[in-house]
Amino acid sequence: MFGFGKKAKKPDGIDVLIIKTDEAKNRNFYQVAFPSVVANDILSMLQKLEKSKMNKPELLGEIGGFRIVTHLEALTGFDILDDADTEGHPVQIQDFANMLLRRLEALEESGKFDENEDLAFMMGELTMLRDGSFVPQN
C-alpha cells in the first residue's frame, strides 16, 4: 500500500477503523479496533450502516452522520502517546456496537423508527458484535 513494512498475517493482527463524527460533543473521531480475521464482515456491515438512512444524529445520537475515513489493516501493535486524550484510545468493537445498539433499541421502543429489514439486520449484527459471538474469542 504505502510501503509501511511487512503486513502481519491477517488472522494474527488487529484492524482499526477511524470513524469521523461531525456532531459529537466529546469526540471528533472514534478509533474502532477488532481482530483482522473478521475485518471484512465488520467493515461491510459498518459501511452499510454508514450509507443507510439510519445514519443521522437524530437517530444515532452523537455517532450519527458518521463517516469511515481510514481502515488500518493487520496491525501487530500500537502505542498511545497521550493517555489523557480519549480520542487516542481505540474503542473495542463490542463497546462501539453496544453504543449503536442501545440507541437503535431506544428508537425501536419509542416507535420513532418503523421496523424494517435494514433495522432488523443492523440490530442482529450489532447484537452479535456486542455479545462477542461475531468476533472469535482467544
N, C-alpha and C. Protein backbone atom coordinates (compact mmCIF):
# COMPACT_ATOMS: atom_id res chain seq x y z
N MET A 1 0.84 -1.18 0.00
CA MET A 1 0.00 0.00 0.00
C MET A 1 0.88 1.24 0.00
N PHE A 2 1.45 1.62 1.11
CA PHE A 2 2.34 2.77 1.17
C PHE A 2 3.76 2.35 1.51
N GLY A 3 4.02 1.07 1.55
CA GLY A 3 5.35 0.59 1.87
C GLY A 3 5.71 0.76 3.34
N PHE A 4 4.75 0.57 4.23
CA PHE A 4 5.00 0.72 5.66
C PHE A 4 5.59 -0.54 6.28
N GLY A 5 6.26 -1.34 5.52
CA GLY A 5 6.84 -2.56 6.06
C GLY A 5 5.94 -3.73 5.79
N LYS A 6 6.33 -4.87 6.29
CA LYS A 6 5.57 -6.09 6.04
C LYS A 6 4.25 -6.07 6.81
N LYS A 7 3.26 -6.53 6.15
CA LYS A 7 1.94 -6.65 6.75
C LYS A 7 1.90 -7.94 7.58
N ALA A 8 1.29 -7.88 8.72
CA ALA A 8 1.18 -9.07 9.56
C ALA A 8 0.24 -10.07 8.90
N LYS A 9 0.34 -11.31 9.34
CA LYS A 9 -0.62 -12.29 8.86
C LYS A 9 -2.00 -11.82 9.29
N LYS A 10 -2.92 -11.80 8.37
CA LYS A 10 -4.25 -11.25 8.63
C LYS A 10 -4.91 -11.84 9.90
N PRO A 11 -4.90 -13.14 10.11
CA PRO A 11 -5.58 -13.66 11.30
C PRO A 11 -4.94 -13.22 12.63
N ASP A 12 -3.68 -12.84 12.62
CA ASP A 12 -3.00 -12.51 13.87
C ASP A 12 -3.08 -11.03 14.23
N GLY A 13 -3.54 -10.20 13.32
CA GLY A 13 -3.48 -8.76 13.53
C GLY A 13 -4.75 -8.16 14.10
N ILE A 14 -4.68 -6.85 14.27
CA ILE A 14 -5.80 -6.04 14.74
C ILE A 14 -6.05 -4.99 13.67
N ASP A 15 -7.30 -4.83 13.27
CA ASP A 15 -7.67 -3.77 12.34
C ASP A 15 -8.26 -2.62 13.14
N VAL A 16 -8.08 -1.42 12.62
CA VAL A 16 -8.64 -0.23 13.27
C VAL A 16 -9.32 0.62 12.20
N LEU A 17 -10.56 0.99 12.48
CA LEU A 17 -11.27 1.94 11.62
C LEU A 17 -11.24 3.29 12.30
N ILE A 18 -10.96 4.32 11.55
CA ILE A 18 -11.07 5.68 12.07
C ILE A 18 -12.38 6.23 11.53
N ILE A 19 -13.29 6.53 12.44
CA ILE A 19 -14.64 6.96 12.09
C ILE A 19 -14.81 8.40 12.55
N LYS A 20 -15.12 9.26 11.61
CA LYS A 20 -15.28 10.70 11.88
C LYS A 20 -16.74 10.99 12.23
N THR A 21 -16.93 11.77 13.26
CA THR A 21 -18.27 12.19 13.68
C THR A 21 -18.31 13.70 13.73
N ASP A 22 -19.18 14.29 12.95
CA ASP A 22 -19.27 15.74 12.89
C ASP A 22 -20.04 16.34 14.05
N GLU A 23 -21.02 15.63 14.56
CA GLU A 23 -21.91 16.18 15.58
C GLU A 23 -21.49 15.84 17.01
N ALA A 24 -20.47 15.02 17.17
CA ALA A 24 -20.11 14.56 18.51
C ALA A 24 -19.64 15.70 19.40
N LYS A 25 -20.03 15.65 20.66
CA LYS A 25 -19.63 16.68 21.63
C LYS A 25 -18.29 16.34 22.27
N ASN A 26 -18.08 15.05 22.57
CA ASN A 26 -16.88 14.65 23.29
C ASN A 26 -15.74 14.19 22.39
N ARG A 27 -16.06 13.80 21.17
CA ARG A 27 -15.05 13.26 20.27
C ARG A 27 -15.31 13.76 18.86
N ASN A 28 -14.25 13.96 18.10
CA ASN A 28 -14.37 14.24 16.67
C ASN A 28 -14.23 12.96 15.86
N PHE A 29 -13.59 11.96 16.46
CA PHE A 29 -13.45 10.68 15.77
C PHE A 29 -13.34 9.55 16.79
N TYR A 30 -13.66 8.36 16.31
CA TYR A 30 -13.50 7.13 17.08
C TYR A 30 -12.51 6.25 16.33
N GLN A 31 -11.65 5.59 17.08
CA GLN A 31 -10.83 4.52 16.54
C GLN A 31 -11.47 3.23 17.04
N VAL A 32 -11.95 2.42 16.13
CA VAL A 32 -12.65 1.20 16.50
C VAL A 32 -11.76 0.02 16.14
N ALA A 33 -11.39 -0.79 17.14
CA ALA A 33 -10.46 -1.90 16.95
C ALA A 33 -11.18 -3.24 17.01
N PHE A 34 -10.70 -4.18 16.17
CA PHE A 34 -11.28 -5.52 16.13
C PHE A 34 -10.26 -6.46 15.48
N PRO A 35 -10.41 -7.78 15.71
CA PRO A 35 -9.48 -8.74 15.12
C PRO A 35 -9.54 -8.71 13.59
N SER A 36 -8.41 -8.78 12.96
CA SER A 36 -8.33 -8.72 11.50
C SER A 36 -9.08 -9.86 10.82
N VAL A 37 -9.19 -10.98 11.49
CA VAL A 37 -9.83 -12.15 10.88
C VAL A 37 -11.30 -11.88 10.53
N VAL A 38 -11.95 -10.94 11.21
CA VAL A 38 -13.36 -10.62 10.92
C VAL A 38 -13.51 -9.23 10.29
N ALA A 39 -12.42 -8.67 9.80
CA ALA A 39 -12.43 -7.30 9.29
C ALA A 39 -13.40 -7.10 8.13
N ASN A 40 -13.43 -8.02 7.19
CA ASN A 40 -14.30 -7.85 6.03
C ASN A 40 -15.76 -7.77 6.43
N ASP A 41 -16.18 -8.64 7.34
CA ASP A 41 -17.57 -8.65 7.78
C ASP A 41 -17.93 -7.37 8.54
N ILE A 42 -17.07 -6.95 9.44
CA ILE A 42 -17.34 -5.75 10.23
C ILE A 42 -17.32 -4.51 9.34
N LEU A 43 -16.35 -4.42 8.46
CA LEU A 43 -16.26 -3.26 7.58
C LEU A 43 -17.49 -3.16 6.68
N SER A 44 -17.90 -4.27 6.09
CA SER A 44 -19.07 -4.20 5.20
C SER A 44 -20.33 -3.84 5.96
N MET A 45 -20.49 -4.35 7.18
CA MET A 45 -21.67 -4.03 7.98
C MET A 45 -21.69 -2.54 8.35
N LEU A 46 -20.55 -2.01 8.79
CA LEU A 46 -20.49 -0.59 9.16
C LEU A 46 -20.62 0.32 7.94
N GLN A 47 -20.12 -0.12 6.79
CA GLN A 47 -20.31 0.67 5.56
C GLN A 47 -21.79 0.70 5.17
N LYS A 48 -22.47 -0.41 5.37
CA LYS A 48 -23.91 -0.45 5.08
C LYS A 48 -24.65 0.52 6.00
N LEU A 49 -24.29 0.53 7.28
CA LEU A 49 -24.91 1.46 8.22
C LEU A 49 -24.57 2.90 7.86
N GLU A 50 -23.32 3.15 7.45
CA GLU A 50 -22.88 4.49 7.07
C GLU A 50 -23.73 5.03 5.92
N LYS A 51 -24.08 4.19 4.96
CA LYS A 51 -24.83 4.61 3.78
C LYS A 51 -26.34 4.59 3.98
N SER A 52 -26.79 4.05 5.10
CA SER A 52 -28.23 3.89 5.31
C SER A 52 -28.88 5.19 5.78
N LYS A 53 -30.20 5.20 5.72
CA LYS A 53 -30.95 6.36 6.19
C LYS A 53 -30.96 6.45 7.72
N MET A 54 -30.46 5.43 8.39
CA MET A 54 -30.37 5.45 9.85
C MET A 54 -29.19 6.28 10.34
N ASN A 55 -28.25 6.59 9.47
CA ASN A 55 -27.02 7.30 9.87
C ASN A 55 -27.28 8.81 9.98
N LYS A 56 -28.06 9.17 10.97
CA LYS A 56 -28.39 10.58 11.23
C LYS A 56 -28.25 10.84 12.72
N PRO A 57 -27.84 12.04 13.10
CA PRO A 57 -27.71 12.35 14.53
C PRO A 57 -29.03 12.19 15.30
N GLU A 58 -30.16 12.49 14.67
CA GLU A 58 -31.43 12.34 15.37
C GLU A 58 -31.79 10.87 15.63
N LEU A 59 -31.14 9.95 14.91
CA LEU A 59 -31.39 8.52 15.13
C LEU A 59 -30.27 7.86 15.93
N LEU A 60 -29.01 8.17 15.61
CA LEU A 60 -27.88 7.51 16.28
C LEU A 60 -27.20 8.38 17.33
N GLY A 61 -27.76 9.54 17.61
CA GLY A 61 -27.14 10.42 18.60
C GLY A 61 -25.85 11.00 18.06
N GLU A 62 -24.88 11.18 18.93
CA GLU A 62 -23.65 11.85 18.51
C GLU A 62 -22.80 11.04 17.54
N ILE A 63 -23.10 9.76 17.40
CA ILE A 63 -22.39 8.95 16.41
C ILE A 63 -23.02 9.13 15.03
N GLY A 64 -24.26 9.57 14.99
CA GLY A 64 -24.99 9.74 13.74
C GLY A 64 -24.30 10.67 12.77
N GLY A 65 -24.43 10.36 11.49
CA GLY A 65 -23.76 11.13 10.45
C GLY A 65 -22.29 10.76 10.34
N PHE A 66 -21.91 9.58 10.86
CA PHE A 66 -20.50 9.20 10.85
C PHE A 66 -20.03 8.85 9.45
N ARG A 67 -18.70 8.97 9.28
CA ARG A 67 -18.04 8.56 8.04
C ARG A 67 -16.81 7.74 8.41
N ILE A 68 -16.63 6.64 7.72
CA ILE A 68 -15.41 5.85 7.90
C ILE A 68 -14.35 6.49 7.01
N VAL A 69 -13.28 6.99 7.62
CA VAL A 69 -12.27 7.71 6.84
C VAL A 69 -10.99 6.91 6.60
N THR A 70 -10.67 5.98 7.49
CA THR A 70 -9.43 5.21 7.33
C THR A 70 -9.64 3.80 7.87
N HIS A 71 -9.06 2.83 7.16
CA HIS A 71 -9.05 1.44 7.62
C HIS A 71 -7.59 1.00 7.70
N LEU A 72 -7.11 0.79 8.91
CA LEU A 72 -5.75 0.30 9.13
C LEU A 72 -5.84 -1.21 9.29
N GLU A 73 -5.09 -1.94 8.50
CA GLU A 73 -5.22 -3.39 8.46
C GLU A 73 -4.06 -4.12 9.12
N ALA A 74 -4.41 -5.21 9.79
CA ALA A 74 -3.47 -6.20 10.31
C ALA A 74 -2.32 -5.59 11.10
N LEU A 75 -2.64 -4.73 12.04
CA LEU A 75 -1.60 -4.16 12.90
C LEU A 75 -1.16 -5.19 13.92
N THR A 76 0.08 -5.15 14.29
CA THR A 76 0.58 -6.05 15.33
C THR A 76 0.70 -5.35 16.67
N GLY A 77 0.51 -4.04 16.68
CA GLY A 77 0.57 -3.29 17.92
C GLY A 77 0.46 -1.81 17.65
N PHE A 78 0.27 -1.04 18.71
CA PHE A 78 0.23 0.42 18.61
C PHE A 78 0.52 0.99 19.99
N ASP A 79 0.97 2.21 20.03
CA ASP A 79 1.26 2.90 21.28
C ASP A 79 0.35 4.11 21.39
N ILE A 80 -0.20 4.33 22.56
CA ILE A 80 -1.00 5.52 22.85
C ILE A 80 -0.05 6.51 23.50
N LEU A 81 0.17 7.63 22.84
CA LEU A 81 1.18 8.59 23.31
C LEU A 81 0.59 9.68 24.19
N ASP A 82 -0.73 9.85 24.16
CA ASP A 82 -1.38 10.84 25.02
C ASP A 82 -2.52 10.15 25.77
N ASP A 83 -2.19 9.63 26.94
CA ASP A 83 -3.18 8.87 27.72
C ASP A 83 -4.37 9.71 28.15
N ALA A 84 -4.20 11.01 28.26
CA ALA A 84 -5.28 11.88 28.73
C ALA A 84 -6.33 12.15 27.66
N ASP A 85 -6.00 11.96 26.40
CA ASP A 85 -6.92 12.24 25.29
C ASP A 85 -7.72 10.99 24.96
N THR A 86 -9.03 11.04 25.19
CA THR A 86 -9.87 9.87 24.93
C THR A 86 -9.87 9.46 23.46
N GLU A 87 -9.67 10.41 22.56
CA GLU A 87 -9.65 10.08 21.14
C GLU A 87 -8.43 9.23 20.77
N GLY A 88 -7.41 9.25 21.58
CA GLY A 88 -6.22 8.46 21.32
C GLY A 88 -6.39 7.00 21.68
N HIS A 89 -7.45 6.67 22.39
CA HIS A 89 -7.70 5.29 22.83
C HIS A 89 -8.68 4.61 21.89
N PRO A 90 -8.29 3.51 21.27
CA PRO A 90 -9.24 2.77 20.44
C PRO A 90 -10.38 2.21 21.28
N VAL A 91 -11.55 2.20 20.67
CA VAL A 91 -12.74 1.62 21.29
C VAL A 91 -12.86 0.21 20.73
N GLN A 92 -13.06 -0.77 21.60
CA GLN A 92 -13.24 -2.14 21.14
C GLN A 92 -14.56 -2.24 20.39
N ILE A 93 -14.62 -3.09 19.38
CA ILE A 93 -15.81 -3.21 18.55
C ILE A 93 -17.05 -3.57 19.39
N GLN A 94 -16.87 -4.34 20.46
CA GLN A 94 -18.01 -4.69 21.31
C GLN A 94 -18.62 -3.44 21.94
N ASP A 95 -17.78 -2.52 22.39
CA ASP A 95 -18.27 -1.30 23.03
C ASP A 95 -18.92 -0.36 22.01
N PHE A 96 -18.31 -0.26 20.82
CA PHE A 96 -18.88 0.59 19.77
C PHE A 96 -20.23 0.04 19.32
N ALA A 97 -20.31 -1.27 19.14
CA ALA A 97 -21.57 -1.90 18.76
C ALA A 97 -22.62 -1.69 19.83
N ASN A 98 -22.23 -1.76 21.09
CA ASN A 98 -23.18 -1.57 22.19
C ASN A 98 -23.74 -0.15 22.18
N MET A 99 -22.91 0.85 21.91
CA MET A 99 -23.40 2.24 21.83
C MET A 99 -24.46 2.37 20.73
N LEU A 100 -24.15 1.83 19.55
CA LEU A 100 -25.09 1.90 18.44
C LEU A 100 -26.36 1.11 18.73
N LEU A 101 -26.20 -0.07 19.29
CA LEU A 101 -27.34 -0.94 19.56
C LEU A 101 -28.28 -0.33 20.59
N ARG A 102 -27.74 0.25 21.66
CA ARG A 102 -28.59 0.89 22.68
C ARG A 102 -29.44 1.99 22.05
N ARG A 103 -28.83 2.75 21.16
CA ARG A 103 -29.55 3.84 20.50
C ARG A 103 -30.66 3.29 19.59
N LEU A 104 -30.36 2.26 18.81
CA LEU A 104 -31.37 1.68 17.91
C LEU A 104 -32.49 1.01 18.70
N GLU A 105 -32.16 0.36 19.81
CA GLU A 105 -33.19 -0.25 20.65
C GLU A 105 -34.12 0.80 21.24
N ALA A 106 -33.55 1.93 21.67
CA ALA A 106 -34.38 3.01 22.21
C ALA A 106 -35.30 3.58 21.13
N LEU A 107 -34.80 3.71 19.93
CA LEU A 107 -35.64 4.20 18.82
C LEU A 107 -36.76 3.23 18.50
N GLU A 108 -36.43 1.96 18.49
CA GLU A 108 -37.43 0.94 18.19
C GLU A 108 -38.53 0.94 19.26
N GLU A 109 -38.13 1.02 20.53
CA GLU A 109 -39.10 1.01 21.63
C GLU A 109 -39.98 2.25 21.63
N SER A 110 -39.41 3.39 21.23
CA SER A 110 -40.19 4.63 21.23
C SER A 110 -41.10 4.74 20.01
N GLY A 111 -40.90 3.89 19.02
CA GLY A 111 -41.71 3.93 17.82
C GLY A 111 -41.29 5.01 16.84
N LYS A 112 -40.13 5.63 17.06
CA LYS A 112 -39.66 6.70 16.17
C LYS A 112 -39.11 6.17 14.86
N PHE A 113 -38.81 4.90 14.83
CA PHE A 113 -38.26 4.32 13.61
C PHE A 113 -39.04 3.05 13.33
N ASP A 114 -39.77 3.04 12.22
CA ASP A 114 -40.55 1.86 11.86
C ASP A 114 -39.63 0.67 11.65
N GLU A 115 -40.10 -0.47 12.11
CA GLU A 115 -39.30 -1.67 11.95
C GLU A 115 -39.22 -2.03 10.47
N ASN A 116 -38.03 -2.31 10.01
CA ASN A 116 -37.84 -2.74 8.63
C ASN A 116 -36.69 -3.72 8.58
N GLU A 117 -36.43 -4.25 7.38
CA GLU A 117 -35.37 -5.25 7.24
C GLU A 117 -33.99 -4.70 7.58
N ASP A 118 -33.71 -3.45 7.19
CA ASP A 118 -32.41 -2.86 7.49
C ASP A 118 -32.18 -2.73 8.99
N LEU A 119 -33.21 -2.27 9.70
CA LEU A 119 -33.11 -2.13 11.15
C LEU A 119 -32.91 -3.49 11.81
N ALA A 120 -33.70 -4.47 11.39
CA ALA A 120 -33.57 -5.82 11.96
C ALA A 120 -32.19 -6.40 11.69
N PHE A 121 -31.68 -6.21 10.47
CA PHE A 121 -30.35 -6.71 10.13
C PHE A 121 -29.28 -6.05 10.99
N MET A 122 -29.32 -4.72 11.08
CA MET A 122 -28.31 -3.98 11.85
C MET A 122 -28.36 -4.38 13.32
N MET A 123 -29.56 -4.48 13.86
CA MET A 123 -29.67 -4.85 15.28
C MET A 123 -29.15 -6.26 15.52
N GLY A 124 -29.38 -7.18 14.59
CA GLY A 124 -28.85 -8.54 14.72
C GLY A 124 -27.34 -8.57 14.67
N GLU A 125 -26.76 -7.85 13.71
CA GLU A 125 -25.31 -7.78 13.57
C GLU A 125 -24.66 -7.12 14.79
N LEU A 126 -25.25 -6.02 15.23
CA LEU A 126 -24.70 -5.30 16.39
C LEU A 126 -24.83 -6.12 17.66
N THR A 127 -25.91 -6.89 17.78
CA THR A 127 -26.07 -7.76 18.95
C THR A 127 -24.97 -8.81 18.97
N MET A 128 -24.67 -9.41 17.81
CA MET A 128 -23.59 -10.41 17.75
C MET A 128 -22.24 -9.77 18.07
N LEU A 129 -22.02 -8.56 17.59
CA LEU A 129 -20.76 -7.87 17.90
C LEU A 129 -20.66 -7.56 19.38
N ARG A 130 -21.73 -7.05 19.96
CA ARG A 130 -21.72 -6.69 21.38
C ARG A 130 -21.49 -7.91 22.26
N ASP A 131 -22.15 -9.02 21.91
CA ASP A 131 -22.07 -10.23 22.72
C ASP A 131 -20.81 -11.05 22.48
N GLY A 132 -20.05 -10.68 21.46
CA GLY A 132 -18.80 -11.38 21.18
C GLY A 132 -18.95 -12.61 20.32
N SER A 133 -20.17 -12.94 19.86
CA SER A 133 -20.33 -14.14 19.05
C SER A 133 -19.88 -13.91 17.61
N PHE A 134 -19.73 -12.69 17.18
CA PHE A 134 -19.27 -12.33 15.84
C PHE A 134 -17.76 -12.40 15.78
N VAL A 135 -17.09 -12.02 16.86
CA VAL A 135 -15.64 -11.94 16.92
C VAL A 135 -15.12 -13.16 17.66
N PRO A 136 -14.21 -13.93 17.03
CA PRO A 136 -13.66 -15.10 17.71
C PRO A 136 -12.96 -14.73 19.01
N GLN A 137 -13.19 -15.52 20.03
CA GLN A 137 -12.59 -15.27 21.35
C GLN A 137 -11.31 -16.09 21.47
N ASN A 138 -10.24 -15.48 21.96
CA ASN A 138 -8.97 -16.18 22.15
C ASN A 138 -8.81 -16.62 23.56
